[in-house]
Amino acid sequence: MHIPVATLRAHYTGGDVDAGLAELEAPAQAMIDDLLWWTAALQTARASGT
């Protein structure tokens, strides 16, 4: 997950990071959904022995 430099700079300097983090919400949710899918798929594959 790429976090824009401006958001990181704002975080380290005590600035407002809410706007930058709001932009990351949709991509972060997509990444979490993908990880959950892979977790379930791999768990099923391991249980079936393939």
Protein backbone atom coordinates (compact mmCIF):
# COMPACT_ATOMS: atom_id res chain seq x y z
CA MET A 1 0.00 0.00 0.00
CA HIS A 2 1.52 3.27 -1.12
CA ILE A 3 1.10 6.13 1.33
CA PRO A 4 1.73 9.51 -0.34
CA VAL A 5 4.74 11.47 0.91
CA ALA A 6 2.52 14.47 1.70
CA THR A 7 0.45 12.35 4.09
CA LEU A 8 3.56 10.98 5.80
CA ARG A 9 5.05 14.46 6.09
CA ALA A 10 1.81 15.77 7.58
CA HIS A 11 1.85 12.93 10.11
CA TYR A 12 5.45 13.56 11.21
CA THR A 13 4.98 17.33 11.45
CA GLY A 14 1.70 17.13 13.36
CA GLY A 15 -0.40 18.29 10.42
CA ASP A 16 -3.81 17.17 9.24
CA VAL A 17 -3.69 13.64 7.83
CA ASP A 18 -7.43 13.01 7.63
CA ALA A 19 -7.75 13.89 3.93
CA GLY A 20 -4.76 11.76 2.97
CA LEU A 21 -5.99 8.80 4.98
CA ALA A 22 -9.51 9.13 3.54
CA GLU A 23 -8.02 8.67 0.06
CA LEU A 24 -6.45 5.40 1.21
CA GLU A 25 -9.65 3.91 2.60
CA ALA A 26 -10.94 2.33 -0.65
CA PRO A 27 -7.58 0.86 -1.77
CA ALA A 28 -6.89 -0.42 1.75
CA GLN A 29 -10.29 -2.11 1.89
CA ALA A 30 -9.67 -3.73 -1.51
CA MET A 31 -6.32 -5.04 -0.27
CA ILE A 32 -7.89 -6.42 2.91
CA ASP A 33 -10.65 -8.09 0.88
CA ASP A 34 -8.02 -9.72 -1.36
CA LEU A 35 -6.04 -10.94 1.65
CA LEU A 36 -9.17 -12.43 3.20
CA TRP A 37 -10.02 -14.17 -0.09
CA TRP A 38 -6.53 -15.66 -0.32
CA THR A 39 -6.67 -16.72 3.33
CA ALA A 40 -9.90 -18.64 2.75
CA ALA A 41 -8.68 -20.13 -0.55
CA LEU A 42 -5.40 -21.34 0.94
CA GLN A 43 -7.12 -22.69 4.03
CA THR A 44 -9.48 -24.71 1.81
CA ALA A 45 -6.60 -25.95 -0.36
CA ARG A 46 -4.59 -27.05 2.67
CA ALA A 47 -7.57 -28.84 4.17
CA SER A 48 -8.19 -30.77 0.94
CA GLY A 49 -4.51 -31.65 0.55
CA THR A 50 -3.99 -30.02 -2.86
